[in-house]
Amino acid sequence: MAMGIDELERAFLDIDFQANRIAKSKKIDPEQLYKFILRAEQVREQLLQMGLRADLHLSLEQAAPIDQNYIPTYNFGKKLINIILVGQHKKRYIPKQQDAYFRGEVAQIKRLFSYAKGQLSLD
């Protein structure tokens, strides 16, 4: 599905709005994250079809979608601490790491699309 320039401009605004909303929220809503991922993939595919600058095209190709089922690694040291703290460490560690991962990935996608939008305006 090819997007026109107006649709692409609205998609950039939508992604920016959703990214800001996720960044400002206290807790990430899985449904909101899912909508962001879908919209970002639509725009990424459209930008790849447009044949932009080589560095931007490469960045878009390498950008993997956000893993909604992300579980941080929990190594032996953390497992030992978890045993000592009777499971309290894992209860706090995993949600905190997931939150950091999601917010970081959303911010990275927002920056990539802001750069792409700037490149489209220059052309």
PDB file of N, CA and C in Angstrom:
ATOM      1  N   MET A   1       0.842  -1.174   0.000  1.00  0.00           N
ATOM      2  CA  MET A   1       0.000   0.000   0.000  1.00  0.00           C
ATOM      3  C   MET A   1       0.892   1.245   0.000  1.00  0.00           C
ATOM      4  N   ALA A   2       0.838   1.990  -1.050  1.00  0.00           N
ATOM      5  CA  ALA A   2       1.650   3.190  -1.165  1.00  0.00           C
ATOM      6  C   ALA A   2       0.942   4.377  -0.506  1.00  0.00           C
ATOM      7  N   MET A   3       1.704   5.123   0.238  1.00  0.00           N
ATOM      8  CA  MET A   3       1.166   6.310   0.906  1.00  0.00           C
ATOM      9  C   MET A   3       1.520   7.527   0.074  1.00  0.00           C
ATOM     10  N   GLY A   4       0.596   8.468   0.058  1.00  0.00           N
ATOM     11  CA  GLY A   4       0.890   9.739  -0.567  1.00  0.00           C
ATOM     12  C   GLY A   4       1.694  10.591   0.396  1.00  0.00           C
ATOM     13  N   ILE A   5       2.154  11.739  -0.074  1.00  0.00           N
ATOM     14  CA  ILE A   5       2.954  12.635   0.755  1.00  0.00           C
ATOM     15  C   ILE A   5       2.153  13.106   1.969  1.00  0.00           C
ATOM     16  N   ASP A   6       0.872  13.435   1.766  1.00  0.00           N
ATOM     17  CA  ASP A   6       0.040  13.890   2.881  1.00  0.00           C
ATOM     18  C   ASP A   6      -0.148  12.779   3.922  1.00  0.00           C
ATOM     19  N   GLU A   7      -0.374  11.568   3.452  1.00  0.00           N
ATOM     20  CA  GLU A   7      -0.535  10.431   4.369  1.00  0.00           C
ATOM     21  C   GLU A   7       0.753  10.171   5.136  1.00  0.00           C
ATOM     22  N   LEU A   8       1.875  10.287   4.451  1.00  0.00           N
ATOM     23  CA  LEU A   8       3.159  10.067   5.098  1.00  0.00           C
ATOM     24  C   LEU A   8       3.417  11.146   6.150  1.00  0.00           C
ATOM     25  N   GLU A   9       3.062  12.373   5.834  1.00  0.00           N
ATOM     26  CA  GLU A   9       3.218  13.470   6.787  1.00  0.00           C
ATOM     27  C   GLU A   9       2.350  13.229   8.027  1.00  0.00           C
ATOM     28  N   ARG A  10       1.103  12.781   7.817  1.00  0.00           N
ATOM     29  CA  ARG A  10       0.219  12.465   8.953  1.00  0.00           C
ATOM     30  C   ARG A  10       0.767  11.287   9.751  1.00  0.00           C
ATOM     31  N   ALA A  11       1.352  10.318   9.062  1.00  0.00           N
ATOM     32  CA  ALA A  11       1.934   9.161   9.747  1.00  0.00           C
ATOM     33  C   ALA A  11       3.112   9.590  10.622  1.00  0.00           C
ATOM     34  N   PHE A  12       3.948  10.504  10.128  1.00  0.00           N
ATOM     35  CA  PHE A  12       5.053  11.018  10.940  1.00  0.00           C
ATOM     36  C   PHE A  12       4.523  11.729  12.184  1.00  0.00           C
ATOM     37  N   LEU A  13       3.493  12.542  12.003  1.00  0.00           N
ATOM     38  CA  LEU A  13       2.903  13.234  13.142  1.00  0.00           C
ATOM     39  C   LEU A  13       2.294  12.244  14.137  1.00  0.00           C
ATOM     40  N   ASP A  14       1.635  11.218  13.611  1.00  0.00           N
ATOM     41  CA  ASP A  14       1.027  10.200  14.455  1.00  0.00           C
ATOM     42  C   ASP A  14       2.084   9.456  15.266  1.00  0.00           C
ATOM     43  N   ILE A  15       3.168   9.075  14.621  1.00  0.00           N
ATOM     44  CA  ILE A  15       4.251   8.374  15.317  1.00  0.00           C
ATOM     45  C   ILE A  15       4.860   9.270  16.392  1.00  0.00           C
ATOM     46  N   ASP A  16       5.070  10.530  16.061  1.00  0.00           N
ATOM     47  CA  ASP A  16       5.628  11.465  17.028  1.00  0.00           C
ATOM     48  C   ASP A  16       4.692  11.619  18.232  1.00  0.00           C
ATOM     49  N   PHE A  17       3.400  11.760  17.959  1.00  0.00           N
ATOM     50  CA  PHE A  17       2.409  11.895  19.029  1.00  0.00           C
ATOM     51  C   PHE A  17       2.380  10.646  19.908  1.00  0.00           C
ATOM     52  N   GLN A  18       2.342   9.475  19.281  1.00  0.00           N
ATOM     53  CA  GLN A  18       2.295   8.224  20.049  1.00  0.00           C
ATOM     54  C   GLN A  18       3.570   8.022  20.862  1.00  0.00           C
ATOM     55  N   ALA A  19       4.713   8.354  20.283  1.00  0.00           N
ATOM     56  CA  ALA A  19       5.988   8.208  21.003  1.00  0.00           C
ATOM     57  C   ALA A  19       6.026   9.128  22.219  1.00  0.00           C
ATOM     58  N   ASN A  20       5.559  10.358  22.058  1.00  0.00           N
ATOM     59  CA  ASN A  20       5.514  11.291  23.190  1.00  0.00           C
ATOM     60  C   ASN A  20       4.553  10.801  24.265  1.00  0.00           C
ATOM     61  N   ARG A  21       3.454  10.237  23.842  1.00  0.00           N
ATOM     62  CA  ARG A  21       2.461   9.717  24.785  1.00  0.00           C
ATOM     63  C   ARG A  21       3.034   8.543  25.587  1.00  0.00           C
ATOM     64  N   ILE A  22       3.744   7.657  24.917  1.00  0.00           N
ATOM     65  CA  ILE A  22       4.366   6.527  25.594  1.00  0.00           C
ATOM     66  C   ILE A  22       5.448   7.030  26.551  1.00  0.00           C
ATOM     67  N   ALA A  23       6.243   7.991  26.112  1.00  0.00           N
ATOM     68  CA  ALA A  23       7.329   8.513  26.942  1.00  0.00           C
ATOM     69  C   ALA A  23       6.803   9.185  28.210  1.00  0.00           C
ATOM     70  N   LYS A  24       5.661   9.837  28.128  1.00  0.00           N
ATOM     71  CA  LYS A  24       5.117  10.570  29.278  1.00  0.00           C
ATOM     72  C   LYS A  24       4.276   9.701  30.205  1.00  0.00           C
ATOM     73  N   SER A  25       3.853   8.535  29.740  1.00  0.00           N
ATOM     74  CA  SER A  25       3.001   7.689  30.573  1.00  0.00           C
ATOM     75  C   SER A  25       3.815   7.050  31.693  1.00  0.00           C
ATOM     76  N   LYS A  26       3.161   6.859  32.830  1.00  0.00           N
ATOM     77  CA  LYS A  26       3.841   6.232  33.967  1.00  0.00           C
ATOM     78  C   LYS A  26       4.068   4.751  33.714  1.00  0.00           C
ATOM     79  N   LYS A  27       3.083   4.102  33.126  1.00  0.00           N
ATOM     80  CA  LYS A  27       3.177   2.682  32.820  1.00  0.00           C
ATOM     81  C   LYS A  27       2.810   2.497  31.349  1.00  0.00           C
ATOM     82  N   ILE A  28       3.574   1.681  30.643  1.00  0.00           N
ATOM     83  CA  ILE A  28       3.338   1.486  29.218  1.00  0.00           C
ATOM     84  C   ILE A  28       2.143   0.559  29.019  1.00  0.00           C
ATOM     85  N   ASP A  29       1.187   1.047  28.261  1.00  0.00           N
ATOM     86  CA  ASP A  29      -0.008   0.269  27.928  1.00  0.00           C
ATOM     87  C   ASP A  29       0.327  -0.648  26.747  1.00  0.00           C
ATOM     88  N   PRO A  30       0.150  -1.964  26.894  1.00  0.00           N
ATOM     89  CA  PRO A  30       0.494  -2.894  25.803  1.00  0.00           C
ATOM     90  C   PRO A  30      -0.269  -2.612  24.504  1.00  0.00           C
ATOM     91  N   GLU A  31      -1.523  -2.203  24.616  1.00  0.00           N
ATOM     92  CA  GLU A  31      -2.311  -1.909  23.412  1.00  0.00           C
ATOM     93  C   GLU A  31      -1.759  -0.679  22.693  1.00  0.00           C
ATOM     94  N   GLN A  32      -1.399   0.322  23.459  1.00  0.00           N
ATOM     95  CA  GLN A  32      -0.826   1.538  22.891  1.00  0.00           C
ATOM     96  C   GLN A  32       0.524   1.232  22.233  1.00  0.00           C
ATOM     97  N   LEU A  33       1.317   0.389  22.864  1.00  0.00           N
ATOM     98  CA  LEU A  33       2.599  -0.014  22.297  1.00  0.00           C
ATOM     99  C   LEU A  33       2.384  -0.784  20.993  1.00  0.00           C
ATOM    100  N   TYR A  34       1.394  -1.659  20.963  1.00  0.00           N
ATOM    101  CA  TYR A  34       1.074  -2.443  19.764  1.00  0.00           C
ATOM    102  C   TYR A  34       0.691  -1.520  18.604  1.00  0.00           C
ATOM    103  N   LYS A  35      -0.131  -0.514  18.876  1.00  0.00           N
ATOM    104  CA  LYS A  35      -0.529   0.443  17.831  1.00  0.00           C
ATOM    105  C   LYS A  35       0.689   1.196  17.294  1.00  0.00           C
ATOM    106  N   PHE A  36       1.586   1.580  18.209  1.00  0.00           N
ATOM    107  CA  PHE A  36       2.799   2.281  17.803  1.00  0.00           C
ATOM    108  C   PHE A  36       3.652   1.401  16.893  1.00  0.00           C
ATOM    109  N   ILE A  37       3.809   0.133  17.282  1.00  0.00           N
ATOM    110  CA  ILE A  37       4.623  -0.799  16.496  1.00  0.00           C
ATOM    111  C   ILE A  37       4.043  -0.981  15.097  1.00  0.00           C
ATOM    112  N   LEU A  38       2.717  -1.149  15.009  1.00  0.00           N
ATOM    113  CA  LEU A  38       2.079  -1.313  13.697  1.00  0.00           C
ATOM    114  C   LEU A  38       2.290  -0.097  12.810  1.00  0.00           C
ATOM    115  N   ARG A  39       2.075   1.083  13.377  1.00  0.00           N
ATOM    116  CA  ARG A  39       2.212   2.315  12.609  1.00  0.00           C
ATOM    117  C   ARG A  39       3.659   2.517  12.160  1.00  0.00           C
ATOM    118  N   ALA A  40       4.592   2.229  13.047  1.00  0.00           N
ATOM    119  CA  ALA A  40       6.007   2.390  12.717  1.00  0.00           C
ATOM    120  C   ALA A  40       6.414   1.432  11.597  1.00  0.00           C
ATOM    121  N   GLU A  41       5.901   0.214  11.621  1.00  0.00           N
ATOM    122  CA  GLU A  41       6.222  -0.751  10.568  1.00  0.00           C
ATOM    123  C   GLU A  41       5.649  -0.314   9.221  1.00  0.00           C
ATOM    124  N   GLN A  42       4.436   0.238   9.227  1.00  0.00           N
ATOM    125  CA  GLN A  42       3.835   0.735   7.984  1.00  0.00           C
ATOM    126  C   GLN A  42       4.705   1.824   7.371  1.00  0.00           C
ATOM    127  N   VAL A  43       5.135   2.759   8.202  1.00  0.00           N
ATOM    128  CA  VAL A  43       5.937   3.879   7.708  1.00  0.00           C
ATOM    129  C   VAL A  43       7.318   3.384   7.272  1.00  0.00           C
ATOM    130  N   ARG A  44       7.903   2.482   8.033  1.00  0.00           N
ATOM    131  CA  ARG A  44       9.223   1.947   7.681  1.00  0.00           C
ATOM    132  C   ARG A  44       9.183   1.263   6.318  1.00  0.00           C
ATOM    133  N   GLU A  45       8.158   0.444   6.086  1.00  0.00           N
ATOM    134  CA  GLU A  45       8.022  -0.231   4.793  1.00  0.00           C
ATOM    135  C   GLU A  45       7.837   0.768   3.657  1.00  0.00           C
ATOM    136  N   GLN A  46       7.054   1.804   3.906  1.00  0.00           N
ATOM    137  CA  GLN A  46       6.843   2.827   2.882  1.00  0.00           C
ATOM    138  C   GLN A  46       8.145   3.554   2.559  1.00  0.00           C
ATOM    139  N   LEU A  47       8.902   3.902   3.583  1.00  0.00           N
ATOM    140  CA  LEU A  47      10.166   4.602   3.365  1.00  0.00           C
ATOM    141  C   LEU A  47      11.165   3.715   2.627  1.00  0.00           C
ATOM    142  N   LEU A  48      11.159   2.416   2.921  1.00  0.00           N
ATOM    143  CA  LEU A  48      12.056   1.499   2.213  1.00  0.00           C
ATOM    144  C   LEU A  48      11.706   1.425   0.727  1.00  0.00           C
ATOM    145  N   GLN A  49      10.428   1.507   0.401  1.00  0.00           N
ATOM    146  CA  GLN A  49       9.995   1.466  -0.999  1.00  0.00           C
ATOM    147  C   GLN A  49      10.359   2.735  -1.756  1.00  0.00           C
ATOM    148  N   MET A  50      10.553   3.820  -1.036  1.00  0.00           N
ATOM    149  CA  MET A  50      10.797   5.107  -1.680  1.00  0.00           C
ATOM    150  C   MET A  50      12.227   5.257  -2.205  1.00  0.00           C
ATOM    151  N   GLY A  51      13.149   4.439  -1.763  1.00  0.00           N
ATOM    152  CA  GLY A  51      14.537   4.535  -2.245  1.00  0.00           C
ATOM    153  C   GLY A  51      15.202   5.822  -1.821  1.00  0.00           C
ATOM    154  N   LEU A  52      15.400   5.981  -0.537  1.00  0.00           N
ATOM    155  CA  LEU A  52      16.013   7.192   0.007  1.00  0.00           C
ATOM    156  C   LEU A  52      17.534   7.078   0.002  1.00  0.00           C
ATOM    157  N   ARG A  53      18.193   8.007   0.673  1.00  0.00           N
ATOM    158  CA  ARG A  53      19.652   7.983   0.759  1.00  0.00           C
ATOM    159  C   ARG A  53      20.130   6.645   1.290  1.00  0.00           C
ATOM    160  N   ALA A  54      21.322   6.237   0.899  1.00  0.00           N
ATOM    161  CA  ALA A  54      21.852   4.915   1.252  1.00  0.00           C
ATOM    162  C   ALA A  54      21.971   4.712   2.758  1.00  0.00           C
ATOM    163  N   ASP A  55      22.458   5.731   3.491  1.00  0.00           N
ATOM    164  CA  ASP A  55      22.622   5.563   4.943  1.00  0.00           C
ATOM    165  C   ASP A  55      21.272   5.440   5.642  1.00  0.00           C
ATOM    166  N   LEU A  56      20.288   6.203   5.200  1.00  0.00           N
ATOM    167  CA  LEU A  56      18.952   6.135   5.785  1.00  0.00           C
ATOM    168  C   LEU A  56      18.286   4.810   5.429  1.00  0.00           C
ATOM    169  N   HIS A  57      18.458   4.391   4.195  1.00  0.00           N
ATOM    170  CA  HIS A  57      17.887   3.115   3.753  1.00  0.00           C
ATOM    171  C   HIS A  57      18.470   1.955   4.574  1.00  0.00           C
ATOM    172  N   LEU A  58      19.760   1.996   4.802  1.00  0.00           N
ATOM    173  CA  LEU A  58      20.421   0.953   5.595  1.00  0.00           C
ATOM    174  C   LEU A  58      19.902   0.961   7.036  1.00  0.00           C
ATOM    175  N   SER A  59      19.741   2.137   7.613  1.00  0.00           N
ATOM    176  CA  SER A  59      19.213   2.237   8.983  1.00  0.00           C
ATOM    177  C   SER A  59      17.792   1.692   9.068  1.00  0.00           C
ATOM    178  N   LEU A  60      16.990   1.986   8.065  1.00  0.00           N
ATOM    179  CA  LEU A  60      15.615   1.491   8.045  1.00  0.00           C
ATOM    180  C   LEU A  60      15.565  -0.025   7.876  1.00  0.00           C
ATOM    181  N   GLU A  61      16.477  -0.566   7.057  1.00  0.00           N
ATOM    182  CA  GLU A  61      16.525  -2.016   6.879  1.00  0.00           C
ATOM    183  C   GLU A  61      16.940  -2.724   8.156  1.00  0.00           C
ATOM    184  N   GLN A  62      17.878  -2.134   8.882  1.00  0.00           N
ATOM    185  CA  GLN A  62      18.393  -2.763  10.096  1.00  0.00           C
ATOM    186  C   GLN A  62      17.455  -2.595  11.285  1.00  0.00           C
ATOM    187  N   ALA A  63      16.553  -1.640  11.223  1.00  0.00           N
ATOM    188  CA  ALA A  63      15.640  -1.401  12.345  1.00  0.00           C
ATOM    189  C   ALA A  63      14.672  -2.569  12.473  1.00  0.00           C
ATOM    190  N   ALA A  64      14.789  -3.272  13.566  1.00  0.00           N
ATOM    191  CA  ALA A  64      13.895  -4.409  13.827  1.00  0.00           C
ATOM    192  C   ALA A  64      12.694  -3.910  14.619  1.00  0.00           C
ATOM    193  N   PRO A  65      11.537  -4.516  14.411  1.00  0.00           N
ATOM    194  CA  PRO A  65      10.375  -4.098  15.190  1.00  0.00           C
ATOM    195  C   PRO A  65      10.593  -4.375  16.683  1.00  0.00           C
ATOM    196  N   ILE A  66       9.914  -3.633  17.504  1.00  0.00           N
ATOM    197  CA  ILE A  66       9.999  -3.813  18.954  1.00  0.00           C
ATOM    198  C   ILE A  66       9.406  -5.167  19.323  1.00  0.00           C
ATOM    199  N   ASP A  67      10.101  -5.891  20.160  1.00  0.00           N
ATOM    200  CA  ASP A  67       9.637  -7.194  20.637  1.00  0.00           C
ATOM    201  C   ASP A  67       8.694  -6.966  21.816  1.00  0.00           C
ATOM    202  N   GLN A  68       7.397  -7.155  21.592  1.00  0.00           N
ATOM    203  CA  GLN A  68       6.415  -6.930  22.653  1.00  0.00           C
ATOM    204  C   GLN A  68       6.523  -7.936  23.784  1.00  0.00           C
ATOM    205  N   ASN A  69       7.128  -9.075  23.523  1.00  0.00           N
ATOM    206  CA  ASN A  69       7.268 -10.125  24.528  1.00  0.00           C
ATOM    207  C   ASN A  69       8.674 -10.138  25.125  1.00  0.00           C
ATOM    208  N   TYR A  70       9.332  -8.999  25.120  1.00  0.00           N
ATOM    209  CA  TYR A  70      10.708  -8.896  25.615  1.00  0.00           C
ATOM    210  C   TYR A  70      10.795  -9.288  27.093  1.00  0.00           C
ATOM    211  N   ILE A  71      11.718 -10.197  27.367  1.00  0.00           N
ATOM    212  CA  ILE A  71      12.033 -10.586  28.742  1.00  0.00           C
ATOM    213  C   ILE A  71      13.538 -10.382  28.908  1.00  0.00           C
ATOM    214  N   PRO A  72      13.949  -9.556  29.864  1.00  0.00           N
ATOM    215  CA  PRO A  72      15.385  -9.324  30.044  1.00  0.00           C
ATOM    216  C   PRO A  72      16.093 -10.589  30.533  1.00  0.00           C
ATOM    217  N   THR A  73      17.375 -10.672  30.245  1.00  0.00           N
ATOM    218  CA  THR A  73      18.149 -11.828  30.696  1.00  0.00           C
ATOM    219  C   THR A  73      18.288 -11.764  32.214  1.00  0.00           C
ATOM    220  N   TYR A  74      18.280 -12.909  32.791  1.00  0.00           N
ATOM    221  CA  TYR A  74      18.349 -13.018  34.247  1.00  0.00           C
ATOM    222  C   TYR A  74      19.468 -13.999  34.557  1.00  0.00           C
ATOM    223  N   ASN A  75      20.687 -13.484  34.725  1.00  0.00           N
ATOM    224  CA  ASN A  75      21.863 -14.334  34.882  1.00  0.00           C
ATOM    225  C   ASN A  75      21.962 -14.947  36.286  1.00  0.00           C
ATOM    226  N   PHE A  76      22.986 -15.745  36.488  1.00  0.00           N
ATOM    227  CA  PHE A  76      23.163 -16.487  37.734  1.00  0.00           C
ATOM    228  C   PHE A  76      23.247 -15.566  38.954  1.00  0.00           C
ATOM    229  N   GLY A  77      23.988 -14.479  38.827  1.00  0.00           N
ATOM    230  CA  GLY A  77      24.127 -13.535  39.947  1.00  0.00           C
ATOM    231  C   GLY A  77      22.785 -12.960  40.370  1.00  0.00           C
ATOM    232  N   LYS A  78      21.977 -12.596  39.409  1.00  0.00           N
ATOM    233  CA  LYS A  78      20.653 -12.044  39.715  1.00  0.00           C
ATOM    234  C   LYS A  78      19.752 -13.119  40.320  1.00  0.00           C
ATOM    235  N   LYS A  79      19.901 -14.361  39.840  1.00  0.00           N
ATOM    236  CA  LYS A  79      19.112 -15.467  40.410  1.00  0.00           C
ATOM    237  C   LYS A  79      19.494 -15.693  41.868  1.00  0.00           C
ATOM    238  N   LEU A  80      20.775 -15.581  42.164  1.00  0.00           N
ATOM    239  CA  LEU A  80      21.245 -15.752  43.535  1.00  0.00           C
ATOM    240  C   LEU A  80      20.689 -14.642  44.433  1.00  0.00           C
ATOM    241  N   ILE A  81      20.751 -13.427  43.975  1.00  0.00           N
ATOM    242  CA  ILE A  81      20.180 -12.299  44.728  1.00  0.00           C
ATOM    243  C   ILE A  81      18.686 -12.515  44.929  1.00  0.00           C
ATOM    244  N   ASN A  82      18.010 -12.999  43.896  1.00  0.00           N
ATOM    245  CA  ASN A  82      16.572 -13.253  43.977  1.00  0.00           C
ATOM    246  C   ASN A  82      16.256 -14.294  45.055  1.00  0.00           C
ATOM    247  N   ILE A  83      17.081 -15.335  45.144  1.00  0.00           N
ATOM    248  CA  ILE A  83      16.871 -16.372  46.166  1.00  0.00           C
ATOM    249  C   ILE A  83      17.057 -15.777  47.557  1.00  0.00           C
ATOM    250  N   ILE A  84      18.104 -14.980  47.718  1.00  0.00           N
ATOM    251  CA  ILE A  84      18.380 -14.352  49.017  1.00  0.00           C
ATOM    252  C   ILE A  84      17.242 -13.411  49.414  1.00  0.00           C
ATOM    253  N   LEU A  85      16.708 -12.686  48.448  1.00  0.00           N
ATOM    254  CA  LEU A  85      15.639 -11.707  48.728  1.00  0.00           C
ATOM    255  C   LEU A  85      14.240 -12.311  48.595  1.00  0.00           C
ATOM    256  N   VAL A  86      14.139 -13.615  48.536  1.00  0.00           N
ATOM    257  CA  VAL A  86      12.873 -14.356  48.491  1.00  0.00           C
ATOM    258  C   VAL A  86      11.972 -13.890  47.346  1.00  0.00           C
ATOM    259  N   GLY A  87      12.538 -13.748  46.173  1.00  0.00           N
ATOM    260  CA  GLY A  87      11.752 -13.445  44.982  1.00  0.00           C
ATOM    261  C   GLY A  87      11.424 -11.982  44.749  1.00  0.00           C
ATOM    262  N   GLN A  88      11.795 -11.105  45.660  1.00  0.00           N
ATOM    263  CA  GLN A  88      11.449  -9.686  45.514  1.00  0.00           C
ATOM    264  C   GLN A  88      12.264  -8.991  44.425  1.00  0.00           C
ATOM    265  N   HIS A  89      13.496  -9.447  44.233  1.00  0.00           N
ATOM    266  CA  HIS A  89      14.341  -8.803  43.222  1.00  0.00           C
ATOM    267  C   HIS A  89      13.760  -8.980  41.825  1.00  0.00           C
ATOM    268  N   LYS A  90      13.335 -10.183  41.496  1.00  0.00           N
ATOM    269  CA  LYS A  90      12.811 -10.480  40.159  1.00  0.00           C
ATOM    270  C   LYS A  90      11.517  -9.713  39.889  1.00  0.00           C
ATOM    271  N   LYS A  91      10.687  -9.574  40.913  1.00  0.00           N
ATOM    272  CA  LYS A  91       9.418  -8.851  40.753  1.00  0.00           C
ATOM    273  C   LYS A  91       9.640  -7.397  40.374  1.00  0.00           C
ATOM    274  N   ARG A  92      10.727  -6.808  40.866  1.00  0.00           N
ATOM    275  CA  ARG A  92      11.013  -5.406  40.536  1.00  0.00           C
ATOM    276  C   ARG A  92      11.901  -5.277  39.315  1.00  0.00           C
ATOM    277  N   TYR A  93      12.835  -6.195  39.148  1.00  0.00           N
ATOM    278  CA  TYR A  93      13.835  -6.098  38.090  1.00  0.00           C
ATOM    279  C   TYR A  93      13.231  -6.236  36.696  1.00  0.00           C
ATOM    280  N   ILE A  94      12.443  -7.265  36.476  1.00  0.00           N
ATOM    281  CA  ILE A  94      11.928  -7.544  35.126  1.00  0.00           C
ATOM    282  C   ILE A  94      11.031  -6.418  34.610  1.00  0.00           C
ATOM    283  N   PRO A  95      10.022  -5.964  35.364  1.00  0.00           N
ATOM    284  CA  PRO A  95       9.205  -4.848  34.836  1.00  0.00           C
ATOM    285  C   PRO A  95      10.017  -3.575  34.581  1.00  0.00           C
ATOM    286  N   LYS A  96      10.985  -3.310  35.437  1.00  0.00           N
ATOM    287  CA  LYS A  96      11.807  -2.108  35.260  1.00  0.00           C
ATOM    288  C   LYS A  96      12.641  -2.206  33.979  1.00  0.00           C
ATOM    289  N   GLN A  97      13.224  -3.370  33.720  1.00  0.00           N
ATOM    290  CA  GLN A  97      14.024  -3.568  32.508  1.00  0.00           C
ATOM    291  C   GLN A  97      13.164  -3.562  31.252  1.00  0.00           C
ATOM    292  N   GLN A  98      11.975  -4.150  31.328  1.00  0.00           N
ATOM    293  CA  GLN A  98      11.062  -4.119  30.184  1.00  0.00           C
ATOM    294  C   GLN A  98      10.665  -2.689  29.863  1.00  0.00           C
ATOM    295  N   ASP A  99      10.342  -1.914  30.890  1.00  0.00           N
ATOM    296  CA  ASP A  99       9.959  -0.517  30.699  1.00  0.00           C
ATOM    297  C   ASP A  99      11.091   0.260  30.033  1.00  0.00           C
ATOM    298  N   ALA A 100      12.314   0.059  30.521  1.00  0.00           N
ATOM    299  CA  ALA A 100      13.468   0.751  29.944  1.00  0.00           C
ATOM    300  C   ALA A 100      13.676   0.341  28.484  1.00  0.00           C
ATOM    301  N   TYR A 101      13.514  -0.936  28.182  1.00  0.00           N
ATOM    302  CA  TYR A 101      13.671  -1.428  26.807  1.00  0.00           C
ATOM    303  C   TYR A 101      12.629  -0.786  25.889  1.00  0.00           C
ATOM    304  N   PHE A 102      11.362  -0.822  26.287  1.00  0.00           N
ATOM    305  CA  PHE A 102      10.296  -0.278  25.441  1.00  0.00           C
ATOM    306  C   PHE A 102      10.474   1.221  25.217  1.00  0.00           C
ATOM    307  N   ARG A 103      10.756   1.950  26.274  1.00  0.00           N
ATOM    308  CA  ARG A 103      10.936   3.409  26.135  1.00  0.00           C
ATOM    309  C   ARG A 103      12.146   3.734  25.255  1.00  0.00           C
ATOM    310  N   GLY A 104      13.220   2.983  25.416  1.00  0.00           N
ATOM    311  CA  GLY A 104      14.413   3.205  24.595  1.00  0.00           C
ATOM    312  C   GLY A 104      14.161   2.919  23.122  1.00  0.00           C
ATOM    313  N   GLU A 105      13.470   1.819  22.844  1.00  0.00           N
ATOM    314  CA  GLU A 105      13.168   1.459  21.456  1.00  0.00           C
ATOM    315  C   GLU A 105      12.225   2.479  20.810  1.00  0.00           C
ATOM    316  N   VAL A 106      11.226   2.925  21.554  1.00  0.00           N
ATOM    317  CA  VAL A 106      10.289   3.926  21.024  1.00  0.00           C
ATOM    318  C   VAL A 106      11.036   5.218  20.714  1.00  0.00           C
ATOM    319  N   ALA A 107      11.922   5.638  21.605  1.00  0.00           N
ATOM    320  CA  ALA A 107      12.698   6.863  21.384  1.00  0.00           C
ATOM    321  C   ALA A 107      13.615   6.716  20.164  1.00  0.00           C
ATOM    322  N   GLN A 108      14.209   5.544  19.999  1.00  0.00           N
ATOM    323  CA  GLN A 108      15.086   5.312  18.857  1.00  0.00           C
ATOM    324  C   GLN A 108      14.305   5.369  17.541  1.00  0.00           C
ATOM    325  N   ILE A 109      13.140   4.771  17.506  1.00  0.00           N
ATOM    326  CA  ILE A 109      12.305   4.807  16.305  1.00  0.00           C
ATOM    327  C   ILE A 109      11.858   6.236  16.011  1.00  0.00           C
ATOM    328  N   LYS A 110      11.508   6.964  17.053  1.00  0.00           N
ATOM    329  CA  LYS A 110      11.092   8.367  16.876  1.00  0.00           C
ATOM    330  C   LYS A 110      12.231   9.181  16.260  1.00  0.00           C
ATOM    331  N   ARG A 111      13.454   8.989  16.766  1.00  0.00           N
ATOM    332  CA  ARG A 111      14.609   9.718  16.202  1.00  0.00           C
ATOM    333  C   ARG A 111      14.860   9.339  14.751  1.00  0.00           C
ATOM    334  N   LEU A 112      14.761   8.049  14.440  1.00  0.00           N
ATOM    335  CA  LEU A 112      14.985   7.593  13.069  1.00  0.00           C
ATOM    336  C   LEU A 112      13.975   8.218  12.111  1.00  0.00           C
ATOM    337  N   PHE A 113      12.717   8.248  12.505  1.00  0.00           N
ATOM    338  CA  PHE A 113      11.690   8.814  11.636  1.00  0.00           C
ATOM    339  C   PHE A 113      11.775  10.340  11.556  1.00  0.00           C
ATOM    340  N   SER A 114      12.235  10.976  12.631  1.00  0.00           N
ATOM    341  CA  SER A 114      12.451  12.424  12.563  1.00  0.00           C
ATOM    342  C   SER A 114      13.550  12.746  11.555  1.00  0.00           C
ATOM    343  N   TYR A 115      14.595  11.928  11.568  1.00  0.00           N
ATOM    344  CA  TYR A 115      15.684  12.102  10.598  1.00  0.00           C
ATOM    345  C   TYR A 115      15.169  11.866   9.179  1.00  0.00           C
ATOM    346  N   ALA A 116      14.367  10.812   9.012  1.00  0.00           N
ATOM    347  CA  ALA A 116      13.816  10.500   7.683  1.00  0.00           C
ATOM    348  C   ALA A 116      12.924  11.637   7.198  1.00  0.00           C
ATOM    349  N   LYS A 117      12.122  12.181   8.101  1.00  0.00           N
ATOM    350  CA  LYS A 117      11.239  13.290   7.739  1.00  0.00           C
ATOM    351  C   LYS A 117      12.059  14.502   7.293  1.00  0.00           C
ATOM    352  N   GLY A 118      13.151  14.768   7.998  1.00  0.00           N
ATOM    353  CA  GLY A 118      14.052  15.875   7.630  1.00  0.00           C
ATOM    354  C   GLY A 118      14.693  15.644   6.265  1.00  0.00           C
ATOM    355  N   GLN A 119      15.039  14.406   5.960  1.00  0.00           N
ATOM    356  CA  GLN A 119      15.650  14.090   4.670  1.00  0.00           C
ATOM    357  C   GLN A 119      14.631  14.241   3.546  1.00  0.00           C
ATOM    358  N   LEU A 120      13.390  13.889   3.813  1.00  0.00           N
ATOM    359  CA  LEU A 120      12.344  14.033   2.790  1.00  0.00           C
ATOM    360  C   LEU A 120      12.090  15.505   2.502  1.00  0.00           C
ATOM    361  N   SER A 121      12.188  16.359   3.530  1.00  0.00           N
ATOM    362  CA  SER A 121      11.954  17.785   3.317  1.00  0.00           C
ATOM    363  C   SER A 121      13.087  18.420   2.531  1.00  0.00           C
ATOM    364  N   LEU A 122      14.305  17.873   2.693  1.00  0.00           N
ATOM    365  CA  LEU A 122      15.441  18.442   1.977  1.00  0.00           C
ATOM    366  C   LEU A 122      15.419  18.114   0.498  1.00  0.00           C
ATOM    367  N   ASP A 123      14.858  16.949   0.159  1.00  0.00           N
ATOM    368  CA  ASP A 123      14.865  16.519  -1.240  1.00  0.00           C
ATOM    369  C   ASP A 123      13.960  17.304  -2.118  1.00  0.00           C
TER     370      ASP A 123
END
